[in-house]
């Protein structure tokens, strides 16, 4: 496929997003792994935790801060996140006349392992990354597969049957090039990695519950020290830091999108003390929950 096809696919996505969304929006679509972002103004720097995912800018520009470095990326690139990666992001190019538009497709570990298993490779090539993030050149066939995925949202039966196939195709296009080597560097086929991924999934499923790291390690068949070191290597966070980040991200969603009161949001994500919640929220987002709700447009 040519660059003309890339331009055509991008224009179709722009038309779809323009006709579907407005204002400052985070949109979880009927295809669960697919989310859209729409912003008419630049945003402040925001701390986030990337899931294993493909992120593409359709229009506008964004900066991503990781490892004390700031990387600017545009519609000609894609961002690939490995397992779970903390970063800071801000939209730098957006206006009511030309809004920022983008999308994210998340992948399960099972999907990643399945595609990697089917791709033959003799040797893992070293890939330049930014602590769990990889920036690659966007290819026409990748964006074309995304367009076909989006089209299934107009037909329930097509979506049910075809969307899993298109998501696998998208993952395949990413994995068969340097993105695959990048993922392999972080997801090695060994017991400690697989067990740590299992621990990550358990924390995600039960993030609002109290976390005992020793019990978690026993549950996944690891020593506490081994789990801690492998967890830190994969996510750059300790298990408790990871849980706290998940709680605060969910709380921000509740506050800014669902308009849940501050104390209720704190209890929903597992905090027993609203004051502790406010302190930790302020440290992560640079302002109190109430100030954030009042002054900031959300970007997830």
C-alpha atoms as a PDB file:
ATOM      1  CA  UNK A   1       0.000   0.000   0.000  1.00  0.00           C
ATOM      2  CA  UNK A   2       1.137   3.554  -0.764  1.00  0.00           C
ATOM      3  CA  UNK A   3       1.256   6.760   1.226  1.00  0.00           C
ATOM      4  CA  UNK A   4      -1.930   7.730  -0.641  1.00  0.00           C
ATOM      5  CA  UNK A   5      -3.661   4.839   1.137  1.00  0.00           C
ATOM      6  CA  UNK A   6      -2.297   6.095   4.470  1.00  0.00           C
ATOM      7  CA  UNK A   7      -3.732   9.551   3.763  1.00  0.00           C
ATOM      8  CA  UNK A   8      -7.065   8.074   2.668  1.00  0.00           C
ATOM      9  CA  UNK A   9      -7.347   5.949   5.820  1.00  0.00           C
ATOM     10  CA  UNK A  10      -6.466   8.912   8.010  1.00  0.00           C
ATOM     11  CA  UNK A  11      -9.097  11.102   6.332  1.00  0.00           C
ATOM     12  CA  UNK A  12     -11.758   8.437   6.858  1.00  0.00           C
ATOM     13  CA  UNK A  13     -10.901   8.284  10.565  1.00  0.00           C
ATOM     14  CA  UNK A  14     -10.978  12.091  10.843  1.00  0.00           C
ATOM     15  CA  UNK A  15     -14.429  12.178   9.247  1.00  0.00           C
ATOM     16  CA  UNK A  16     -15.672   9.438  11.568  1.00  0.00           C
ATOM     17  CA  UNK A  17     -14.348  11.117  14.723  1.00  0.00           C
ATOM     18  CA  UNK A  18     -15.601  14.568  13.656  1.00  0.00           C
ATOM     19  CA  UNK A  19     -19.089  13.227  13.041  1.00  0.00           C
ATOM     20  CA  UNK A  20     -19.199  11.247  16.282  1.00  0.00           C
ATOM     21  CA  UNK A  21     -17.555  13.367  18.983  1.00  0.00           C
ATOM     22  CA  UNK A  22     -17.045  16.955  20.077  1.00  0.00           C
ATOM     23  CA  UNK A  23     -15.577  19.024  22.888  1.00  0.00           C
ATOM     24  CA  UNK A  24     -13.071  17.332  25.179  1.00  0.00           C
ATOM     25  CA  UNK A  25     -13.798  13.644  24.952  1.00  0.00           C
ATOM     26  CA  UNK A  26     -12.490  10.234  25.926  1.00  0.00           C
ATOM     27  CA  UNK A  27     -14.675   7.687  24.198  1.00  0.00           C
ATOM     28  CA  UNK A  28     -14.781   4.011  25.099  1.00  0.00           C
ATOM     29  CA  UNK A  29     -16.326   2.415  22.010  1.00  0.00           C
ATOM     30  CA  UNK A  30     -18.543  -0.649  21.714  1.00  0.00           C
ATOM     31  CA  UNK A  31     -15.360  -2.506  20.733  1.00  0.00           C
ATOM     32  CA  UNK A  32     -13.893  -2.784  24.228  1.00  0.00           C
ATOM     33  CA  UNK A  33     -10.160  -2.511  23.325  1.00  0.00           C
ATOM     34  CA  UNK A  34     -10.741   0.569  21.126  1.00  0.00           C
ATOM     35  CA  UNK A  35     -10.928   4.095  22.564  1.00  0.00           C
ATOM     36  CA  UNK A  36     -10.917   7.500  20.877  1.00  0.00           C
ATOM     37  CA  UNK A  37      -9.625  10.848  22.114  1.00  0.00           C
ATOM     38  CA  UNK A  38     -10.862  14.246  20.959  1.00  0.00           C
ATOM     39  CA  UNK A  39      -9.506  17.563  22.263  1.00  0.00           C
ATOM     40  CA  UNK A  40     -10.030  21.095  20.995  1.00  0.00           C
ATOM     41  CA  UNK A  41      -7.291  22.593  23.185  1.00  0.00           C
ATOM     42  CA  UNK A  42      -3.759  21.684  24.294  1.00  0.00           C
ATOM     43  CA  UNK A  43      -3.554  20.028  27.710  1.00  0.00           C
ATOM     44  CA  UNK A  44      -1.285  20.224  30.719  1.00  0.00           C
ATOM     45  CA  UNK A  45       1.175  17.432  31.465  1.00  0.00           C
ATOM     46  CA  UNK A  46      -0.647  14.463  32.985  1.00  0.00           C
ATOM     47  CA  UNK A  47       0.696  11.321  34.676  1.00  0.00           C
ATOM     48  CA  UNK A  48      -0.694   8.108  33.192  1.00  0.00           C
ATOM     49  CA  UNK A  49       0.000   4.388  33.159  1.00  0.00           C
ATOM     50  CA  UNK A  50       0.067   2.915  29.669  1.00  0.00           C
ATOM     51  CA  UNK A  51      -1.431  -0.550  29.295  1.00  0.00           C
ATOM     52  CA  UNK A  52      -0.098  -2.930  26.615  1.00  0.00           C
ATOM     53  CA  UNK A  53      -1.424  -0.985  23.664  1.00  0.00           C
ATOM     54  CA  UNK A  54      -1.039   0.695  20.303  1.00  0.00           C
ATOM     55  CA  UNK A  55      -1.546   4.462  20.338  1.00  0.00           C
ATOM     56  CA  UNK A  56      -1.940   6.489  17.148  1.00  0.00           C
ATOM     57  CA  UNK A  57      -2.464  10.196  16.584  1.00  0.00           C
ATOM     58  CA  UNK A  58      -4.876  10.853  13.729  1.00  0.00           C
ATOM     59  CA  UNK A  59      -4.538  14.641  13.866  1.00  0.00           C
ATOM     60  CA  UNK A  60      -2.450  16.965  16.045  1.00  0.00           C
ATOM     61  CA  UNK A  61       0.657  16.299  18.129  1.00  0.00           C
ATOM     62  CA  UNK A  62       1.490  15.029  21.597  1.00  0.00           C
ATOM     63  CA  UNK A  63       4.517  14.964  23.901  1.00  0.00           C
ATOM     64  CA  UNK A  64       5.361  11.964  26.065  1.00  0.00           C
ATOM     65  CA  UNK A  65       7.708  12.272  29.020  1.00  0.00           C
ATOM     66  CA  UNK A  66       9.579   9.191  30.201  1.00  0.00           C
ATOM     67  CA  UNK A  67      12.993   8.722  31.840  1.00  0.00           C
ATOM     68  CA  UNK A  68      13.372  12.502  32.193  1.00  0.00           C
ATOM     69  CA  UNK A  69      13.164  12.834  28.406  1.00  0.00           C
ATOM     70  CA  UNK A  70      10.416  14.424  26.341  1.00  0.00           C
ATOM     71  CA  UNK A  71       9.455  12.781  23.048  1.00  0.00           C
ATOM     72  CA  UNK A  72       7.178  14.507  20.562  1.00  0.00           C
ATOM     73  CA  UNK A  73       5.249  12.300  18.185  1.00  0.00           C
ATOM     74  CA  UNK A  74       2.864  12.940  15.326  1.00  0.00           C
ATOM     75  CA  UNK A  75       0.411  11.181  12.966  1.00  0.00           C
ATOM     76  CA  UNK A  76       3.314   9.662  11.026  1.00  0.00           C
ATOM     77  CA  UNK A  77       4.280   7.504  14.009  1.00  0.00           C
ATOM     78  CA  UNK A  78       2.693   5.101  16.437  1.00  0.00           C
ATOM     79  CA  UNK A  79       3.445   4.453  20.084  1.00  0.00           C
ATOM     80  CA  UNK A  80       3.620   0.877  21.345  1.00  0.00           C
ATOM     81  CA  UNK A  81       3.498   0.203  25.084  1.00  0.00           C
ATOM     82  CA  UNK A  82       4.854  -3.086  26.416  1.00  0.00           C
ATOM     83  CA  UNK A  83       3.339  -4.341  29.653  1.00  0.00           C
ATOM     84  CA  UNK A  84       2.454  -1.402  31.924  1.00  0.00           C
ATOM     85  CA  UNK A  85       4.483   1.778  31.631  1.00  0.00           C
ATOM     86  CA  UNK A  86       4.216   4.997  33.677  1.00  0.00           C
ATOM     87  CA  UNK A  87       4.659   8.197  31.676  1.00  0.00           C
ATOM     88  CA  UNK A  88       3.586  11.813  31.422  1.00  0.00           C
ATOM     89  CA  UNK A  89       1.698  13.098  28.394  1.00  0.00           C
ATOM     90  CA  UNK A  90       0.332  16.344  27.056  1.00  0.00           C
ATOM     91  CA  UNK A  91      -1.348  17.401  23.828  1.00  0.00           C
ATOM     92  CA  UNK A  92       0.612  20.222  22.202  1.00  0.00           C
ATOM     93  CA  UNK A  93      -1.255  20.799  18.937  1.00  0.00           C
ATOM     94  CA  UNK A  94      -5.039  21.182  19.116  1.00  0.00           C
ATOM     95  CA  UNK A  95      -7.609  23.877  18.328  1.00  0.00           C
ATOM     96  CA  UNK A  96     -11.373  24.108  17.730  1.00  0.00           C
ATOM     97  CA  UNK A  97     -10.620  24.476  14.014  1.00  0.00           C
ATOM     98  CA  UNK A  98      -8.234  21.506  13.956  1.00  0.00           C
ATOM     99  CA  UNK A  99      -8.848  19.298  17.022  1.00  0.00           C
ATOM    100  CA  UNK A 100      -6.488  16.683  18.335  1.00  0.00           C
ATOM    101  CA  UNK A 101      -7.742  13.204  17.458  1.00  0.00           C
ATOM    102  CA  UNK A 102      -6.274   9.855  18.363  1.00  0.00           C
ATOM    103  CA  UNK A 103      -7.065   6.310  19.324  1.00  0.00           C
ATOM    104  CA  UNK A 104      -5.761   3.513  21.507  1.00  0.00           C
ATOM    105  CA  UNK A 105      -6.145  -0.231  21.031  1.00  0.00           C
ATOM    106  CA  UNK A 106      -5.303  -2.298  24.102  1.00  0.00           C
ATOM    107  CA  UNK A 107      -4.067  -5.878  23.873  1.00  0.00           C
ATOM    108  CA  UNK A 108      -4.351  -8.725  26.349  1.00  0.00           C
ATOM    109  CA  UNK A 109      -1.239 -10.709  27.244  1.00  0.00           C
ATOM    110  CA  UNK A 110      -2.915 -13.781  25.750  1.00  0.00           C
ATOM    111  CA  UNK A 111      -3.297 -11.988  22.395  1.00  0.00           C
ATOM    112  CA  UNK A 112       0.327 -10.885  22.439  1.00  0.00           C
ATOM    113  CA  UNK A 113       1.669 -14.347  23.259  1.00  0.00           C
ATOM    114  CA  UNK A 114      -0.561 -15.913  20.579  1.00  0.00           C
ATOM    115  CA  UNK A 115       0.687 -13.624  17.801  1.00  0.00           C
ATOM    116  CA  UNK A 116       4.333 -13.819  18.859  1.00  0.00           C
ATOM    117  CA  UNK A 117       4.107 -17.607  18.878  1.00  0.00           C
ATOM    118  CA  UNK A 118       3.007 -17.610  15.226  1.00  0.00           C
ATOM    119  CA  UNK A 119       5.751 -15.261  14.012  1.00  0.00           C
ATOM    120  CA  UNK A 120       8.982 -17.077  13.271  1.00  0.00           C
ATOM    121  CA  UNK A 121      12.120 -15.238  14.263  1.00  0.00           C
ATOM    122  CA  UNK A 122      15.715 -16.378  14.445  1.00  0.00           C
ATOM    123  CA  UNK A 123      17.038 -13.756  16.794  1.00  0.00           C
ATOM    124  CA  UNK A 124      15.707 -10.840  18.806  1.00  0.00           C
ATOM    125  CA  UNK A 125      17.137  -7.589  17.454  1.00  0.00           C
ATOM    126  CA  UNK A 126      17.962  -4.835  19.926  1.00  0.00           C
ATOM    127  CA  UNK A 127      15.443  -2.002  19.622  1.00  0.00           C
ATOM    128  CA  UNK A 128      15.828   1.545  20.922  1.00  0.00           C
ATOM    129  CA  UNK A 129      13.067   2.164  23.445  1.00  0.00           C
ATOM    130  CA  UNK A 130      12.058   4.618  26.126  1.00  0.00           C
ATOM    131  CA  UNK A 131      11.481   2.473  29.234  1.00  0.00           C
ATOM    132  CA  UNK A 132       8.696   0.295  27.927  1.00  0.00           C
ATOM    133  CA  UNK A 133       7.617   2.575  25.073  1.00  0.00           C
ATOM    134  CA  UNK A 134       8.524   2.163  21.409  1.00  0.00           C
ATOM    135  CA  UNK A 135       7.916   4.713  18.660  1.00  0.00           C
ATOM    136  CA  UNK A 136       7.614   3.316  15.136  1.00  0.00           C
ATOM    137  CA  UNK A 137       6.741   4.578  11.664  1.00  0.00           C
ATOM    138  CA  UNK A 138       3.054   4.196  10.845  1.00  0.00           C
ATOM    139  CA  UNK A 139       2.518   1.953   7.804  1.00  0.00           C
ATOM    140  CA  UNK A 140      -0.521   2.112   5.444  1.00  0.00           C
ATOM    141  CA  UNK A 141      -1.565  -1.511   6.031  1.00  0.00           C
ATOM    142  CA  UNK A 142      -1.693  -0.952   9.795  1.00  0.00           C
ATOM    143  CA  UNK A 143      -3.994   2.061   9.564  1.00  0.00           C
ATOM    144  CA  UNK A 144      -6.101   0.312   6.909  1.00  0.00           C
ATOM    145  CA  UNK A 145      -6.764  -2.530   9.362  1.00  0.00           C
ATOM    146  CA  UNK A 146      -7.836   0.042  11.967  1.00  0.00           C
ATOM    147  CA  UNK A 147     -10.281   1.610   9.494  1.00  0.00           C
ATOM    148  CA  UNK A 148     -11.811  -1.795   8.793  1.00  0.00           C
ATOM    149  CA  UNK A 149     -12.125  -2.362  12.549  1.00  0.00           C
ATOM    150  CA  UNK A 150     -13.920   0.973  12.992  1.00  0.00           C
ATOM    151  CA  UNK A 151     -16.344   0.176  10.163  1.00  0.00           C
ATOM    152  CA  UNK A 152     -17.615  -2.874  12.068  1.00  0.00           C
ATOM    153  CA  UNK A 153     -19.153  -0.572  14.688  1.00  0.00           C
ATOM    154  CA  UNK A 154     -22.011   0.095  12.272  1.00  0.00           C
ATOM    155  CA  UNK A 155     -23.078  -3.569  12.280  1.00  0.00           C
ATOM    156  CA  UNK A 156     -23.401  -5.578  15.501  1.00  0.00           C
ATOM    157  CA  UNK A 157     -22.962  -8.971  13.848  1.00  0.00           C
ATOM    158  CA  UNK A 158     -19.923  -7.831  11.841  1.00  0.00           C
ATOM    159  CA  UNK A 159     -18.409  -6.379  14.997  1.00  0.00           C
ATOM    160  CA  UNK A 160     -18.877  -9.578  16.968  1.00  0.00           C
ATOM    161  CA  UNK A 161     -17.293 -11.789  14.297  1.00  0.00           C
ATOM    162  CA  UNK A 162     -14.727  -9.517  12.637  1.00  0.00           C
ATOM    163  CA  UNK A 163     -13.404  -7.184  15.350  1.00  0.00           C
ATOM    164  CA  UNK A 164     -11.295  -9.901  17.082  1.00  0.00           C
ATOM    165  CA  UNK A 165      -9.800 -10.814  13.689  1.00  0.00           C
ATOM    166  CA  UNK A 166      -8.966  -7.204  12.819  1.00  0.00           C
ATOM    167  CA  UNK A 167      -7.399  -6.625  16.247  1.00  0.00           C
ATOM    168  CA  UNK A 168      -5.230  -9.698  15.731  1.00  0.00           C
ATOM    169  CA  UNK A 169      -4.301  -8.405  12.267  1.00  0.00           C
ATOM    170  CA  UNK A 170      -3.341  -5.017  13.720  1.00  0.00           C
ATOM    171  CA  UNK A 171      -1.228  -6.698  16.383  1.00  0.00           C
ATOM    172  CA  UNK A 172       0.387  -8.874  13.709  1.00  0.00           C
ATOM    173  CA  UNK A 173       1.427  -5.864  11.588  1.00  0.00           C
ATOM    174  CA  UNK A 174       3.031  -4.307  14.664  1.00  0.00           C
ATOM    175  CA  UNK A 175       4.710  -7.507  15.839  1.00  0.00           C
ATOM    176  CA  UNK A 176       6.200  -8.662  12.538  1.00  0.00           C
ATOM    177  CA  UNK A 177       8.531  -5.664  12.442  1.00  0.00           C
ATOM    178  CA  UNK A 178      10.637  -3.986  15.130  1.00  0.00           C
ATOM    179  CA  UNK A 179       7.623  -3.756  17.405  1.00  0.00           C
ATOM    180  CA  UNK A 180       7.802  -7.525  17.820  1.00  0.00           C
ATOM    181  CA  UNK A 181      11.448  -7.395  18.873  1.00  0.00           C
ATOM    182  CA  UNK A 182      10.579  -4.600  21.286  1.00  0.00           C
ATOM    183  CA  UNK A 183       7.805  -6.641  22.909  1.00  0.00           C
ATOM    184  CA  UNK A 184      10.016  -9.737  23.109  1.00  0.00           C
ATOM    185  CA  UNK A 185      12.592  -7.742  25.055  1.00  0.00           C
ATOM    186  CA  UNK A 186       9.986  -7.164  27.766  1.00  0.00           C
ATOM    187  CA  UNK A 187       7.963 -10.369  27.535  1.00  0.00           C
ATOM    188  CA  UNK A 188      10.359 -13.270  27.601  1.00  0.00           C
ATOM    189  CA  UNK A 189       9.057 -16.810  27.648  1.00  0.00           C
ATOM    190  CA  UNK A 190      10.183 -17.597  31.190  1.00  0.00           C
ATOM    191  CA  UNK A 191       8.372 -18.485  34.391  1.00  0.00           C
ATOM    192  CA  UNK A 192       9.217 -15.340  36.358  1.00  0.00           C
ATOM    193  CA  UNK A 193       7.895 -13.025  33.637  1.00  0.00           C
ATOM    194  CA  UNK A 194       4.700 -15.014  33.116  1.00  0.00           C
ATOM    195  CA  UNK A 195       4.059 -15.211  36.857  1.00  0.00           C
ATOM    196  CA  UNK A 196       4.711 -11.504  37.273  1.00  0.00           C
ATOM    197  CA  UNK A 197       2.290 -10.747  34.433  1.00  0.00           C
ATOM    198  CA  UNK A 198      -0.243 -12.891  36.299  1.00  0.00           C
ATOM    199  CA  UNK A 199       0.388 -10.794  39.416  1.00  0.00           C
ATOM    200  CA  UNK A 200      -0.092  -7.597  37.409  1.00  0.00           C
ATOM    201  CA  UNK A 201      -3.423  -8.882  36.115  1.00  0.00           C
ATOM    202  CA  UNK A 202      -4.550  -9.831  39.630  1.00  0.00           C
ATOM    203  CA  UNK A 203      -3.759  -6.351  40.944  1.00  0.00           C
ATOM    204  CA  UNK A 204      -5.659  -4.797  38.034  1.00  0.00           C
ATOM    205  CA  UNK A 205      -8.701  -6.992  38.685  1.00  0.00           C
ATOM    206  CA  UNK A 206      -8.733  -6.246  42.426  1.00  0.00           C
ATOM    207  CA  UNK A 207      -7.079  -2.814  42.643  1.00  0.00           C
ATOM    208  CA  UNK A 208      -9.692  -1.456  45.070  1.00  0.00           C
ATOM    209  CA  UNK A 209      -8.972  -4.222  47.598  1.00  0.00           C
ATOM    210  CA  UNK A 210      -6.145  -4.221  50.149  1.00  0.00           C
ATOM    211  CA  UNK A 211      -2.906  -5.652  48.762  1.00  0.00           C
ATOM    212  CA  UNK A 212      -0.600  -8.001  50.653  1.00  0.00           C
ATOM    213  CA  UNK A 213       2.477  -8.486  48.466  1.00  0.00           C
ATOM    214  CA  UNK A 214       3.589 -11.617  50.320  1.00  0.00           C
ATOM    215  CA  UNK A 215       0.203 -13.275  49.737  1.00  0.00           C
ATOM    216  CA  UNK A 216       0.223 -12.139  46.101  1.00  0.00           C
ATOM    217  CA  UNK A 217       3.663 -13.684  45.587  1.00  0.00           C
ATOM    218  CA  UNK A 218       2.494 -16.978  47.091  1.00  0.00           C
ATOM    219  CA  UNK A 219      -0.596 -16.938  44.870  1.00  0.00           C
ATOM    220  CA  UNK A 220       1.499 -16.720  41.674  1.00  0.00           C
ATOM    221  CA  UNK A 221       4.193 -19.108  42.914  1.00  0.00           C
ATOM    222  CA  UNK A 222       7.061 -16.670  43.494  1.00  0.00           C
ATOM    223  CA  UNK A 223       9.100 -15.456  46.415  1.00  0.00           C
ATOM    224  CA  UNK A 224       8.285 -11.959  47.589  1.00  0.00           C
ATOM    225  CA  UNK A 225      11.739 -10.637  46.643  1.00  0.00           C
ATOM    226  CA  UNK A 226      11.634 -12.226  43.180  1.00  0.00           C
ATOM    227  CA  UNK A 227       8.185 -10.810  42.483  1.00  0.00           C
ATOM    228  CA  UNK A 228       9.266  -7.366  43.637  1.00  0.00           C
ATOM    229  CA  UNK A 229      12.408  -7.273  41.464  1.00  0.00           C
ATOM    230  CA  UNK A 230      10.716  -8.641  38.325  1.00  0.00           C
ATOM    231  CA  UNK A 231       7.681  -6.409  38.858  1.00  0.00           C
ATOM    232  CA  UNK A 232       9.952  -3.373  39.148  1.00  0.00           C
ATOM    233  CA  UNK A 233      11.855  -4.376  36.016  1.00  0.00           C
ATOM    234  CA  UNK A 234       8.675  -4.748  33.949  1.00  0.00           C
ATOM    235  CA  UNK A 235       6.671  -1.749  35.174  1.00  0.00           C
ATOM    236  CA  UNK A 236       9.347   0.439  36.860  1.00  0.00           C
ATOM    237  CA  UNK A 237       6.980   0.470  39.868  1.00  0.00           C
ATOM    238  CA  UNK A 238       6.618  -1.645  42.987  1.00  0.00           C
ATOM    239  CA  UNK A 239       3.362  -3.641  43.332  1.00  0.00           C
ATOM    240  CA  UNK A 240       1.983  -1.125  45.842  1.00  0.00           C
ATOM    241  CA  UNK A 241       2.972   1.850  43.662  1.00  0.00           C
ATOM    242  CA  UNK A 242       1.326   0.140  40.697  1.00  0.00           C
ATOM    243  CA  UNK A 243      -1.888  -0.387  42.665  1.00  0.00           C
ATOM    244  CA  UNK A 244      -1.879   3.232  43.817  1.00  0.00           C
ATOM    245  CA  UNK A 245      -1.464   4.461  40.239  1.00  0.00           C
ATOM    246  CA  UNK A 246      -4.386   2.309  39.102  1.00  0.00           C
ATOM    247  CA  UNK A 247      -6.557   3.623  41.937  1.00  0.00           C
ATOM    248  CA  UNK A 248      -5.769   7.245  41.186  1.00  0.00           C
ATOM    249  CA  UNK A 249      -6.340   6.835  37.461  1.00  0.00           C
ATOM    250  CA  UNK A 250      -9.720   5.226  38.079  1.00  0.00           C
ATOM    251  CA  UNK A 251     -10.576   7.956  40.581  1.00  0.00           C
ATOM    252  CA  UNK A 252      -9.758  10.627  38.015  1.00  0.00           C
ATOM    253  CA  UNK A 253     -12.081   8.928  35.539  1.00  0.00           C
ATOM    254  CA  UNK A 254     -14.847   8.853  38.148  1.00  0.00           C
ATOM    255  CA  UNK A 255     -14.345  12.505  39.056  1.00  0.00           C
ATOM    256  CA  UNK A 256     -13.892  14.113  35.658  1.00  0.00           C
ATOM    257  CA  UNK A 257     -15.967  11.898  33.376  1.00  0.00           C
ATOM    258  CA  UNK A 258     -18.650  10.335  35.577  1.00  0.00           C
ATOM    259  CA  UNK A 259     -18.830  13.390  37.892  1.00  0.00           C
ATOM    260  CA  UNK A 260     -18.744  11.291  41.078  1.00  0.00           C
ATOM    261  CA  UNK A 261     -18.240  13.309  44.331  1.00  0.00           C
ATOM    262  CA  UNK A 262     -14.680  13.309  45.704  1.00  0.00           C
ATOM    263  CA  UNK A 263     -15.302  11.260  48.858  1.00  0.00           C
ATOM    264  CA  UNK A 264     -17.371   8.708  46.966  1.00  0.00           C
ATOM    265  CA  UNK A 265     -14.635   8.335  44.339  1.00  0.00           C
ATOM    266  CA  UNK A 266     -12.047   7.807  47.086  1.00  0.00           C
ATOM    267  CA  UNK A 267     -14.050   4.996  48.688  1.00  0.00           C
ATOM    268  CA  UNK A 268     -14.904   3.399  45.344  1.00  0.00           C
ATOM    269  CA  UNK A 269     -11.228   2.928  44.438  1.00  0.00           C
ATOM    270  CA  UNK A 270     -10.274   1.564  47.849  1.00  0.00           C
ATOM    271  CA  UNK A 271      -9.210   4.507  50.013  1.00  0.00           C
ATOM    272  CA  UNK A 272     -10.445   4.497  53.614  1.00  0.00           C
ATOM    273  CA  UNK A 273      -9.255   8.045  54.259  1.00  0.00           C
ATOM    274  CA  UNK A 274     -10.424  10.887  51.959  1.00  0.00           C
ATOM    275  CA  UNK A 275      -7.576  13.080  53.223  1.00  0.00           C
ATOM    276  CA  UNK A 276      -4.976  10.459  52.252  1.00  0.00           C
ATOM    277  CA  UNK A 277      -6.681  10.161  48.870  1.00  0.00           C
ATOM    278  CA  UNK A 278      -6.486  13.934  48.349  1.00  0.00           C
ATOM    279  CA  UNK A 279      -2.790  14.031  49.315  1.00  0.00           C
ATOM    280  CA  UNK A 280      -1.825  11.205  46.946  1.00  0.00           C
ATOM    281  CA  UNK A 281      -4.029  12.578  44.162  1.00  0.00           C
ATOM    282  CA  UNK A 282      -2.373  15.989  44.505  1.00  0.00           C
ATOM    283  CA  UNK A 283       1.109  14.437  44.348  1.00  0.00           C
ATOM    284  CA  UNK A 284       0.256  12.546  41.155  1.00  0.00           C
ATOM    285  CA  UNK A 285      -1.744  15.197  39.299  1.00  0.00           C
ATOM    286  CA  UNK A 286      -0.343  18.420  40.735  1.00  0.00           C
ATOM    287  CA  UNK A 287      -3.669  19.647  42.109  1.00  0.00           C
ATOM    288  CA  UNK A 288      -6.341  18.538  44.540  1.00  0.00           C
ATOM    289  CA  UNK A 289      -9.279  16.425  43.327  1.00  0.00           C
ATOM    290  CA  UNK A 290     -11.678  19.365  43.724  1.00  0.00           C
ATOM    291  CA  UNK A 291      -9.365  21.719  41.837  1.00  0.00           C
ATOM    292  CA  UNK A 292      -8.880  19.127  39.107  1.00  0.00           C
ATOM    293  CA  UNK A 293     -12.621  18.688  38.637  1.00  0.00           C
ATOM    294  CA  UNK A 294     -13.098  22.445  38.501  1.00  0.00           C
ATOM    295  CA  UNK A 295     -10.231  23.458  36.275  1.00  0.00           C
ATOM    296  CA  UNK A 296      -8.891  20.607  34.175  1.00  0.00           C
ATOM    297  CA  UNK A 297     -10.207  18.826  31.126  1.00  0.00           C
ATOM    298  CA  UNK A 298      -9.443  15.155  31.377  1.00  0.00           C
ATOM    299  CA  UNK A 299      -7.145  13.250  29.093  1.00  0.00           C
ATOM    300  CA  UNK A 300      -6.636   9.538  29.797  1.00  0.00           C
END
